[in-house]
Amino acid sequence: MSHSSLSQHSSTNPLGASNVSPLHPSGSTTMGGDLSTVSEFIVDRRLYVLYEKLRTLNPSVLTMVNALNVALANQGEVIRTCADLEAFLVAVEVFETEEALS
């Protein structure tokens, strides 16, 4: 009986699942990187509550980003890159600090 690596899967990595992030890595935060294309996010209470609910559910990063993008579309923004996600998380931290939530 032959064992192919293509037929091996587990509950944590189902058949056909990829460990590769769909977020484009451009906009790296390394020194010298061009951050001029990174979105600026404004987090309000509604968006913060959504973010906290998602964190509690602990979905995959892709699922969380997709859910956040639905809400962010109302502001004309979306998370497209890893740098965008990092910028969004910084905006969440700023909101927490300003609202003394952390």
PDB file of N, CA and C in Angstrom:
ATOM      1  N   MET A   1       0.840  -1.177   0.000  1.00  0.00           N
ATOM      2  CA  MET A   1       0.000   0.000   0.000  1.00  0.00           C
ATOM      3  C   MET A   1       0.886   1.242   0.000  1.00  0.00           C
ATOM      4  N   SER A   2       0.670   2.106  -0.930  1.00  0.00           N
ATOM      5  CA  SER A   2       1.460   3.318  -1.063  1.00  0.00           C
ATOM      6  C   SER A   2       0.830   4.448  -0.267  1.00  0.00           C
ATOM      7  N   HIS A   3       1.661   5.208   0.439  1.00  0.00           N
ATOM      8  CA  HIS A   3       1.175   6.366   1.190  1.00  0.00           C
ATOM      9  C   HIS A   3       1.641   7.629   0.500  1.00  0.00           C
ATOM     10  N   SER A   4       0.712   8.367   0.000  1.00  0.00           N
ATOM     11  CA  SER A   4       1.021   9.621  -0.663  1.00  0.00           C
ATOM     12  C   SER A   4       0.855  10.764   0.317  1.00  0.00           C
ATOM     13  N   SER A   5       1.726  11.752   0.236  1.00  0.00           N
ATOM     14  CA  SER A   5       1.600  12.912   1.112  1.00  0.00           C
ATOM     15  C   SER A   5       0.347  13.718   0.776  1.00  0.00           C
ATOM     16  N   LEU A   6      -0.187  13.539  -0.420  1.00  0.00           N
ATOM     17  CA  LEU A   6      -1.392  14.265  -0.795  1.00  0.00           C
ATOM     18  C   LEU A   6      -2.631  13.728  -0.094  1.00  0.00           C
ATOM     19  N   SER A   7      -2.587  12.466   0.309  1.00  0.00           N
ATOM     20  CA  SER A   7      -3.768  11.900   0.939  1.00  0.00           C
ATOM     21  C   SER A   7      -3.760  12.063   2.448  1.00  0.00           C
ATOM     22  N   GLN A   8      -2.679  12.585   3.012  1.00  0.00           N
ATOM     23  CA  GLN A   8      -2.602  12.757   4.453  1.00  0.00           C
ATOM     24  C   GLN A   8      -3.192  14.096   4.851  1.00  0.00           C
ATOM     25  N   HIS A   9      -4.082  14.066   5.823  1.00  0.00           N
ATOM     26  CA  HIS A   9      -4.638  15.296   6.367  1.00  0.00           C
ATOM     27  C   HIS A   9      -5.076  15.045   7.793  1.00  0.00           C
ATOM     28  N   SER A  10      -5.350  16.086   8.507  1.00  0.00           N
ATOM     29  CA  SER A  10      -5.785  15.968   9.896  1.00  0.00           C
ATOM     30  C   SER A  10      -6.909  16.947  10.142  1.00  0.00           C
ATOM     31  N   SER A  11      -7.455  16.911  11.349  1.00  0.00           N
ATOM     32  CA  SER A  11      -8.544  17.835  11.655  1.00  0.00           C
ATOM     33  C   SER A  11      -8.054  19.273  11.740  1.00  0.00           C
ATOM     34  N   THR A  12      -6.753  19.469  12.015  1.00  0.00           N
ATOM     35  CA  THR A  12      -6.219  20.824  12.074  1.00  0.00           C
ATOM     36  C   THR A  12      -5.803  21.350  10.717  1.00  0.00           C
ATOM     37  N   ASN A  13      -5.604  20.464   9.775  1.00  0.00           N
ATOM     38  CA  ASN A  13      -5.244  20.870   8.425  1.00  0.00           C
ATOM     39  C   ASN A  13      -5.981  19.961   7.462  1.00  0.00           C
ATOM     40  N   PRO A  14      -7.295  20.220   7.249  1.00  0.00           N
ATOM     41  CA  PRO A  14      -8.091  19.351   6.391  1.00  0.00           C
ATOM     42  C   PRO A  14      -7.559  19.303   4.972  1.00  0.00           C
ATOM     43  N   LEU A  15      -7.938  18.262   4.280  1.00  0.00           N
ATOM     44  CA  LEU A  15      -7.520  18.079   2.898  1.00  0.00           C
ATOM     45  C   LEU A  15      -7.834  19.333   2.089  1.00  0.00           C
ATOM     46  N   GLY A  16      -6.854  19.834   1.410  1.00  0.00           N
ATOM     47  CA  GLY A  16      -7.037  21.006   0.570  1.00  0.00           C
ATOM     48  C   GLY A  16      -6.800  22.318   1.293  1.00  0.00           C
ATOM     49  N   ALA A  17      -6.641  22.279   2.623  1.00  0.00           N
ATOM     50  CA  ALA A  17      -6.411  23.514   3.362  1.00  0.00           C
ATOM     51  C   ALA A  17      -4.969  23.951   3.167  1.00  0.00           C
ATOM     52  N   SER A  18      -4.763  25.239   3.225  1.00  0.00           N
ATOM     53  CA  SER A  18      -3.427  25.782   3.040  1.00  0.00           C
ATOM     54  C   SER A  18      -2.996  26.515   4.292  1.00  0.00           C
ATOM     55  N   ASN A  19      -1.729  26.441   4.605  1.00  0.00           N
ATOM     56  CA  ASN A  19      -1.179  27.193   5.721  1.00  0.00           C
ATOM     57  C   ASN A  19      -0.659  28.550   5.269  1.00  0.00           C
ATOM     58  N   VAL A  20      -0.823  28.870   4.004  1.00  0.00           N
ATOM     59  CA  VAL A  20      -0.335  30.115   3.451  1.00  0.00           C
ATOM     60  C   VAL A  20      -1.389  31.192   3.642  1.00  0.00           C
ATOM     61  N   SER A  21      -0.970  32.322   4.173  1.00  0.00           N
ATOM     62  CA  SER A  21      -1.896  33.424   4.405  1.00  0.00           C
ATOM     63  C   SER A  21      -2.317  34.047   3.083  1.00  0.00           C
ATOM     64  N   PRO A  22      -3.616  34.332   2.924  1.00  0.00           N
ATOM     65  CA  PRO A  22      -4.062  34.979   1.700  1.00  0.00           C
ATOM     66  C   PRO A  22      -3.773  36.475   1.703  1.00  0.00           C
ATOM     67  N   LEU A  23      -3.365  37.024   2.845  1.00  0.00           N
ATOM     68  CA  LEU A  23      -3.031  38.439   2.896  1.00  0.00           C
ATOM     69  C   LEU A  23      -1.716  38.666   2.173  1.00  0.00           C
ATOM     70  N   HIS A  24      -1.679  39.660   1.348  1.00  0.00           N
ATOM     71  CA  HIS A  24      -0.477  39.986   0.609  1.00  0.00           C
ATOM     72  C   HIS A  24       0.538  40.570   1.583  1.00  0.00           C
ATOM     73  N   PRO A  25       1.782  40.093   1.556  1.00  0.00           N
ATOM     74  CA  PRO A  25       2.763  40.555   2.527  1.00  0.00           C
ATOM     75  C   PRO A  25       3.359  41.921   2.236  1.00  0.00           C
ATOM     76  N   SER A  26       2.937  42.584   1.181  1.00  0.00           N
ATOM     77  CA  SER A  26       3.530  43.880   0.853  1.00  0.00           C
ATOM     78  C   SER A  26       3.248  44.880   1.960  1.00  0.00           C
ATOM     79  N   GLY A  27       4.055  45.909   2.017  1.00  0.00           N
ATOM     80  CA  GLY A  27       3.887  46.902   3.065  1.00  0.00           C
ATOM     81  C   GLY A  27       4.533  46.450   4.353  1.00  0.00           C
ATOM     82  N   SER A  28       5.599  45.697   4.231  1.00  0.00           N
ATOM     83  CA  SER A  28       6.289  45.164   5.394  1.00  0.00           C
ATOM     84  C   SER A  28       6.673  46.274   6.355  1.00  0.00           C
ATOM     85  N   THR A  29       6.669  45.944   7.635  1.00  0.00           N
ATOM     86  CA  THR A  29       7.008  46.940   8.646  1.00  0.00           C
ATOM     87  C   THR A  29       8.501  46.982   8.920  1.00  0.00           C
ATOM     88  N   THR A  30       9.290  46.272   8.120  1.00  0.00           N
ATOM     89  CA  THR A  30      10.734  46.327   8.315  1.00  0.00           C
ATOM     90  C   THR A  30      11.231  47.708   7.962  1.00  0.00           C
ATOM     91  N   MET A  31      12.360  48.090   8.543  1.00  0.00           N
ATOM     92  CA  MET A  31      12.906  49.422   8.285  1.00  0.00           C
ATOM     93  C   MET A  31      13.158  49.598   6.793  1.00  0.00           C
ATOM     94  N   GLY A  32      12.803  50.731   6.309  1.00  0.00           N
ATOM     95  CA  GLY A  32      13.013  51.015   4.901  1.00  0.00           C
ATOM     96  C   GLY A  32      11.828  50.622   4.038  1.00  0.00           C
ATOM     97  N   GLY A  33      10.834  49.952   4.624  1.00  0.00           N
ATOM     98  CA  GLY A  33       9.658  49.564   3.865  1.00  0.00           C
ATOM     99  C   GLY A  33       8.780  50.771   3.585  1.00  0.00           C
ATOM    100  N   ASP A  34       8.089  50.768   2.481  1.00  0.00           N
ATOM    101  CA  ASP A  34       7.212  51.878   2.125  1.00  0.00           C
ATOM    102  C   ASP A  34       5.841  51.636   2.747  1.00  0.00           C
ATOM    103  N   LEU A  35       5.523  52.400   3.777  1.00  0.00           N
ATOM    104  CA  LEU A  35       4.249  52.242   4.460  1.00  0.00           C
ATOM    105  C   LEU A  35       3.199  53.231   3.955  1.00  0.00           C
ATOM    106  N   SER A  36       3.514  53.958   2.893  1.00  0.00           N
ATOM    107  CA  SER A  36       2.581  54.967   2.403  1.00  0.00           C
ATOM    108  C   SER A  36       1.301  54.352   1.854  1.00  0.00           C
ATOM    109  N   THR A  37       1.318  53.073   1.529  1.00  0.00           N
ATOM    110  CA  THR A  37       0.126  52.431   0.984  1.00  0.00           C
ATOM    111  C   THR A  37      -0.710  51.732   2.055  1.00  0.00           C
ATOM    112  N   VAL A  38      -0.274  51.780   3.307  1.00  0.00           N
ATOM    113  CA  VAL A  38      -1.003  51.137   4.392  1.00  0.00           C
ATOM    114  C   VAL A  38      -2.229  51.972   4.732  1.00  0.00           C
ATOM    115  N   SER A  39      -3.351  51.304   4.879  1.00  0.00           N
ATOM    116  CA  SER A  39      -4.591  51.992   5.209  1.00  0.00           C
ATOM    117  C   SER A  39      -4.543  52.526   6.629  1.00  0.00           C
ATOM    118  N   GLU A  40      -5.271  53.612   6.857  1.00  0.00           N
ATOM    119  CA  GLU A  40      -5.434  54.144   8.209  1.00  0.00           C
ATOM    120  C   GLU A  40      -6.844  53.818   8.641  1.00  0.00           C
ATOM    121  N   PHE A  41      -6.946  53.127   9.755  1.00  0.00           N
ATOM    122  CA  PHE A  41      -8.244  52.671  10.235  1.00  0.00           C
ATOM    123  C   PHE A  41      -8.705  53.508  11.409  1.00  0.00           C
ATOM    124  N   ILE A  42      -9.993  53.787  11.424  1.00  0.00           N
ATOM    125  CA  ILE A  42     -10.613  54.469  12.550  1.00  0.00           C
ATOM    126  C   ILE A  42     -11.523  53.461  13.228  1.00  0.00           C
ATOM    127  N   VAL A  43     -11.179  53.138  14.472  1.00  0.00           N
ATOM    128  CA  VAL A  43     -11.956  52.154  15.224  1.00  0.00           C
ATOM    129  C   VAL A  43     -12.944  52.898  16.109  1.00  0.00           C
ATOM    130  N   ASP A  44     -14.215  52.588  15.927  1.00  0.00           N
ATOM    131  CA  ASP A  44     -15.256  53.130  16.805  1.00  0.00           C
ATOM    132  C   ASP A  44     -15.760  52.004  17.701  1.00  0.00           C
ATOM    133  N   ARG A  45     -16.684  52.307  18.586  1.00  0.00           N
ATOM    134  CA  ARG A  45     -17.174  51.314  19.542  1.00  0.00           C
ATOM    135  C   ARG A  45     -17.768  50.099  18.822  1.00  0.00           C
ATOM    136  N   ARG A  46     -18.530  50.314  17.771  1.00  0.00           N
ATOM    137  CA  ARG A  46     -19.166  49.218  17.029  1.00  0.00           C
ATOM    138  C   ARG A  46     -18.117  48.265  16.464  1.00  0.00           C
ATOM    139  N   LEU A  47     -17.087  48.812  15.841  1.00  0.00           N
ATOM    140  CA  LEU A  47     -16.028  48.000  15.258  1.00  0.00           C
ATOM    141  C   LEU A  47     -15.217  47.305  16.355  1.00  0.00           C
ATOM    142  N   TYR A  48     -15.003  47.998  17.461  1.00  0.00           N
ATOM    143  CA  TYR A  48     -14.259  47.409  18.571  1.00  0.00           C
ATOM    144  C   TYR A  48     -15.028  46.225  19.163  1.00  0.00           C
ATOM    145  N   VAL A  49     -16.338  46.372  19.334  1.00  0.00           N
ATOM    146  CA  VAL A  49     -17.161  45.278  19.872  1.00  0.00           C
ATOM    147  C   VAL A  49     -17.103  44.071  18.934  1.00  0.00           C
ATOM    148  N   LEU A  50     -17.194  44.313  17.638  1.00  0.00           N
ATOM    149  CA  LEU A  50     -17.078  43.219  16.664  1.00  0.00           C
ATOM    150  C   LEU A  50     -15.724  42.533  16.797  1.00  0.00           C
ATOM    151  N   TYR A  51     -14.661  43.313  16.867  1.00  0.00           N
ATOM    152  CA  TYR A  51     -13.314  42.759  16.996  1.00  0.00           C
ATOM    153  C   TYR A  51     -13.211  41.895  18.260  1.00  0.00           C
ATOM    154  N   GLU A  52     -13.727  42.378  19.372  1.00  0.00           N
ATOM    155  CA  GLU A  52     -13.658  41.625  20.630  1.00  0.00           C
ATOM    156  C   GLU A  52     -14.480  40.335  20.561  1.00  0.00           C
ATOM    157  N   LYS A  53     -15.649  40.396  19.937  1.00  0.00           N
ATOM    158  CA  LYS A  53     -16.463  39.180  19.778  1.00  0.00           C
ATOM    159  C   LYS A  53     -15.730  38.154  18.919  1.00  0.00           C
ATOM    160  N   LEU A  54     -15.108  38.621  17.853  1.00  0.00           N
ATOM    161  CA  LEU A  54     -14.346  37.718  16.987  1.00  0.00           C
ATOM    162  C   LEU A  54     -13.163  37.118  17.738  1.00  0.00           C
ATOM    163  N   ARG A  55     -12.479  37.936  18.517  1.00  0.00           N
ATOM    164  CA  ARG A  55     -11.345  37.417  19.299  1.00  0.00           C
ATOM    165  C   ARG A  55     -11.797  36.328  20.255  1.00  0.00           C
ATOM    166  N   THR A  56     -12.956  36.508  20.861  1.00  0.00           N
ATOM    167  CA  THR A  56     -13.499  35.515  21.788  1.00  0.00           C
ATOM    168  C   THR A  56     -13.784  34.202  21.072  1.00  0.00           C
ATOM    169  N   LEU A  57     -14.276  34.293  19.839  1.00  0.00           N
ATOM    170  CA  LEU A  57     -14.576  33.089  19.056  1.00  0.00           C
ATOM    171  C   LEU A  57     -13.319  32.398  18.540  1.00  0.00           C
ATOM    172  N   ASN A  58     -12.221  33.153  18.450  1.00  0.00           N
ATOM    173  CA  ASN A  58     -10.935  32.636  18.009  1.00  0.00           C
ATOM    174  C   ASN A  58     -10.987  31.958  16.629  1.00  0.00           C
ATOM    175  N   PRO A  59     -11.495  32.677  15.623  1.00  0.00           N
ATOM    176  CA  PRO A  59     -11.520  32.090  14.279  1.00  0.00           C
ATOM    177  C   PRO A  59     -10.132  32.150  13.644  1.00  0.00           C
ATOM    178  N   SER A  60     -10.027  31.598  12.448  1.00  0.00           N
ATOM    179  CA  SER A  60      -8.770  31.735  11.705  1.00  0.00           C
ATOM    180  C   SER A  60      -8.576  33.215  11.362  1.00  0.00           C
ATOM    181  N   VAL A  61      -7.354  33.567  11.062  1.00  0.00           N
ATOM    182  CA  VAL A  61      -7.057  34.955  10.700  1.00  0.00           C
ATOM    183  C   VAL A  61      -7.869  35.358   9.468  1.00  0.00           C
ATOM    184  N   LEU A  62      -7.960  34.461   8.499  1.00  0.00           N
ATOM    185  CA  LEU A  62      -8.705  34.767   7.285  1.00  0.00           C
ATOM    186  C   LEU A  62     -10.177  35.039   7.597  1.00  0.00           C
ATOM    187  N   THR A  63     -10.784  34.214   8.427  1.00  0.00           N
ATOM    188  CA  THR A  63     -12.182  34.411   8.787  1.00  0.00           C
ATOM    189  C   THR A  63     -12.366  35.732   9.519  1.00  0.00           C
ATOM    190  N   MET A  64     -11.447  36.036  10.427  1.00  0.00           N
ATOM    191  CA  MET A  64     -11.538  37.291  11.177  1.00  0.00           C
ATOM    192  C   MET A  64     -11.393  38.492  10.247  1.00  0.00           C
ATOM    193  N   VAL A  65     -10.416  38.441   9.366  1.00  0.00           N
ATOM    194  CA  VAL A  65     -10.206  39.548   8.423  1.00  0.00           C
ATOM    195  C   VAL A  65     -11.417  39.716   7.513  1.00  0.00           C
ATOM    196  N   ASN A  66     -11.975  38.610   7.030  1.00  0.00           N
ATOM    197  CA  ASN A  66     -13.163  38.711   6.164  1.00  0.00           C
ATOM    198  C   ASN A  66     -14.328  39.365   6.903  1.00  0.00           C
ATOM    199  N   ALA A  67     -14.543  38.972   8.158  1.00  0.00           N
ATOM    200  CA  ALA A  67     -15.632  39.571   8.944  1.00  0.00           C
ATOM    201  C   ALA A  67     -15.370  41.052   9.197  1.00  0.00           C
ATOM    202  N   LEU A  68     -14.144  41.394   9.541  1.00  0.00           N
ATOM    203  CA  LEU A  68     -13.803  42.802   9.762  1.00  0.00           C
ATOM    204  C   LEU A  68     -13.950  43.612   8.476  1.00  0.00           C
ATOM    205  N   ASN A  69     -13.584  43.018   7.342  1.00  0.00           N
ATOM    206  CA  ASN A  69     -13.690  43.732   6.072  1.00  0.00           C
ATOM    207  C   ASN A  69     -15.130  44.064   5.712  1.00  0.00           C
ATOM    208  N   VAL A  70     -16.070  43.218   6.108  1.00  0.00           N
ATOM    209  CA  VAL A  70     -17.485  43.530   5.869  1.00  0.00           C
ATOM    210  C   VAL A  70     -17.852  44.814   6.600  1.00  0.00           C
ATOM    211  N   ALA A  71     -17.428  44.906   7.866  1.00  0.00           N
ATOM    212  CA  ALA A  71     -17.726  46.103   8.658  1.00  0.00           C
ATOM    213  C   ALA A  71     -16.921  47.312   8.169  1.00  0.00           C
ATOM    214  N   LEU A  72     -15.666  47.088   7.807  1.00  0.00           N
ATOM    215  CA  LEU A  72     -14.809  48.186   7.355  1.00  0.00           C
ATOM    216  C   LEU A  72     -15.243  48.756   6.013  1.00  0.00           C
ATOM    217  N   ALA A  73     -15.924  47.965   5.205  1.00  0.00           N
ATOM    218  CA  ALA A  73     -16.382  48.439   3.893  1.00  0.00           C
ATOM    219  C   ALA A  73     -17.291  49.659   4.041  1.00  0.00           C
ATOM    220  N   ASN A  74     -18.008  49.748   5.161  1.00  0.00           N
ATOM    221  CA  ASN A  74     -18.858  50.918   5.409  1.00  0.00           C
ATOM    222  C   ASN A  74     -18.038  52.190   5.518  1.00  0.00           C
ATOM    223  N   GLN A  75     -16.779  52.070   5.911  1.00  0.00           N
ATOM    224  CA  GLN A  75     -15.877  53.221   6.028  1.00  0.00           C
ATOM    225  C   GLN A  75     -15.034  53.409   4.774  1.00  0.00           C
ATOM    226  N   GLY A  76     -15.214  52.515   3.806  1.00  0.00           N
ATOM    227  CA  GLY A  76     -14.429  52.592   2.579  1.00  0.00           C
ATOM    228  C   GLY A  76     -13.034  52.031   2.734  1.00  0.00           C
ATOM    229  N   GLU A  77     -12.798  51.228   3.760  1.00  0.00           N
ATOM    230  CA  GLU A  77     -11.491  50.621   3.994  1.00  0.00           C
ATOM    231  C   GLU A  77     -11.623  49.109   3.983  1.00  0.00           C
ATOM    232  N   VAL A  78     -10.533  48.422   3.708  1.00  0.00           N
ATOM    233  CA  VAL A  78     -10.461  46.969   3.842  1.00  0.00           C
ATOM    234  C   VAL A  78      -9.047  46.600   4.251  1.00  0.00           C
ATOM    235  N   ILE A  79      -8.917  45.443   4.876  1.00  0.00           N
ATOM    236  CA  ILE A  79      -7.613  44.902   5.235  1.00  0.00           C
ATOM    237  C   ILE A  79      -7.179  44.024   4.072  1.00  0.00           C
ATOM    238  N   ARG A  80      -6.124  44.468   3.354  1.00  0.00           N
ATOM    239  CA  ARG A  80      -5.646  43.735   2.177  1.00  0.00           C
ATOM    240  C   ARG A  80      -4.296  43.080   2.412  1.00  0.00           C
ATOM    241  N   THR A  81      -3.479  43.694   3.259  1.00  0.00           N
ATOM    242  CA  THR A  81      -2.112  43.215   3.451  1.00  0.00           C
ATOM    243  C   THR A  81      -1.847  42.938   4.922  1.00  0.00           C
ATOM    244  N   CYS A  82      -0.745  42.277   5.181  1.00  0.00           N
ATOM    245  CA  CYS A  82      -0.331  42.053   6.570  1.00  0.00           C
ATOM    246  C   CYS A  82      -0.098  43.389   7.263  1.00  0.00           C
ATOM    247  N   ALA A  83       0.459  44.353   6.541  1.00  0.00           N
ATOM    248  CA  ALA A  83       0.689  45.681   7.111  1.00  0.00           C
ATOM    249  C   ALA A  83      -0.642  46.352   7.448  1.00  0.00           C
ATOM    250  N   ASP A  84      -1.667  46.158   6.606  1.00  0.00           N
ATOM    251  CA  ASP A  84      -2.996  46.696   6.912  1.00  0.00           C
ATOM    252  C   ASP A  84      -3.528  46.084   8.199  1.00  0.00           C
ATOM    253  N   LEU A  85      -3.356  44.780   8.360  1.00  0.00           N
ATOM    254  CA  LEU A  85      -3.817  44.113   9.572  1.00  0.00           C
ATOM    255  C   LEU A  85      -3.093  44.662  10.788  1.00  0.00           C
ATOM    256  N   GLU A  86      -1.786  44.850  10.658  1.00  0.00           N
ATOM    257  CA  GLU A  86      -1.022  45.428  11.766  1.00  0.00           C
ATOM    258  C   GLU A  86      -1.500  46.840  12.080  1.00  0.00           C
ATOM    259  N   ALA A  87      -1.793  47.627  11.057  1.00  0.00           N
ATOM    260  CA  ALA A  87      -2.291  48.986  11.267  1.00  0.00           C
ATOM    261  C   ALA A  87      -3.657  48.962  11.949  1.00  0.00           C
ATOM    262  N   PHE A  88      -4.499  48.008  11.577  1.00  0.00           N
ATOM    263  CA  PHE A  88      -5.802  47.876  12.217  1.00  0.00           C
ATOM    264  C   PHE A  88      -5.627  47.543  13.699  1.00  0.00           C
ATOM    265  N   LEU A  89      -4.718  46.623  14.011  1.00  0.00           N
ATOM    266  CA  LEU A  89      -4.482  46.244  15.408  1.00  0.00           C
ATOM    267  C   LEU A  89      -3.936  47.414  16.222  1.00  0.00           C
ATOM    268  N   VAL A  90      -3.110  48.250  15.612  1.00  0.00           N
ATOM    269  CA  VAL A  90      -2.627  49.459  16.287  1.00  0.00           C
ATOM    270  C   VAL A  90      -3.798  50.394  16.559  1.00  0.00           C
ATOM    271  N   ALA A  91      -4.703  50.530  15.596  1.00  0.00           N
ATOM    272  CA  ALA A  91      -5.886  51.380  15.781  1.00  0.00           C
ATOM    273  C   ALA A  91      -6.762  50.856  16.914  1.00  0.00           C
ATOM    274  N   VAL A  92      -6.852  49.528  17.042  1.00  0.00           N
ATOM    275  CA  VAL A  92      -7.605  48.933  18.155  1.00  0.00           C
ATOM    276  C   VAL A  92      -6.944  49.299  19.477  1.00  0.00           C
ATOM    277  N   GLU A  93      -5.618  49.204  19.534  1.00  0.00           N
ATOM    278  CA  GLU A  93      -4.889  49.554  20.753  1.00  0.00           C
ATOM    279  C   GLU A  93      -5.077  51.024  21.110  1.00  0.00           C
ATOM    280  N   VAL A  94      -5.063  51.886  20.118  1.00  0.00           N
ATOM    281  CA  VAL A  94      -5.288  53.318  20.349  1.00  0.00           C
ATOM    282  C   VAL A  94      -6.690  53.526  20.910  1.00  0.00           C
ATOM    283  N   PHE A  95      -7.678  52.861  20.329  1.00  0.00           N
ATOM    284  CA  PHE A  95      -9.053  52.970  20.824  1.00  0.00           C
ATOM    285  C   PHE A  95      -9.136  52.512  22.278  1.00  0.00           C
ATOM    286  N   GLU A  96      -8.493  51.375  22.590  1.00  0.00           N
ATOM    287  CA  GLU A  96      -8.518  50.855  23.959  1.00  0.00           C
ATOM    288  C   GLU A  96      -7.892  51.859  24.930  1.00  0.00           C
ATOM    289  N   THR A  97      -6.789  52.467  24.522  1.00  0.00           N
ATOM    290  CA  THR A  97      -6.120  53.438  25.366  1.00  0.00           C
ATOM    291  C   THR A  97      -6.987  54.675  25.585  1.00  0.00           C
ATOM    292  N   GLU A  98      -7.540  55.185  24.502  1.00  0.00           N
ATOM    293  CA  GLU A  98      -8.382  56.384  24.591  1.00  0.00           C
ATOM    294  C   GLU A  98      -9.636  56.134  25.406  1.00  0.00           C
ATOM    295  N   GLU A  99     -10.179  54.940  25.307  1.00  0.00           N
ATOM    296  CA  GLU A  99     -11.412  54.605  26.029  1.00  0.00           C
ATOM    297  C   GLU A  99     -11.124  53.928  27.382  1.00  0.00           C
ATOM    298  N   ALA A 100      -9.830  53.738  27.686  1.00  0.00           N
ATOM    299  CA  ALA A 100      -9.386  53.073  28.919  1.00  0.00           C
ATOM    300  C   ALA A 100     -10.062  51.704  29.081  1.00  0.00           C
ATOM    301  N   LEU A 101     -10.014  50.897  28.013  1.00  0.00           N
ATOM    302  CA  LEU A 101     -10.683  49.585  28.005  1.00  0.00           C
ATOM    303  C   LEU A 101      -9.740  48.442  28.327  1.00  0.00           C
ATOM    304  N   SER A 102      -8.462  48.624  28.200  1.00  0.00           N
ATOM    305  CA  SER A 102      -7.563  47.483  28.392  1.00  0.00           C
ATOM    306  C   SER A 102      -7.214  47.258  29.839  1.00  0.00           C
TER     307      SER A 102
END
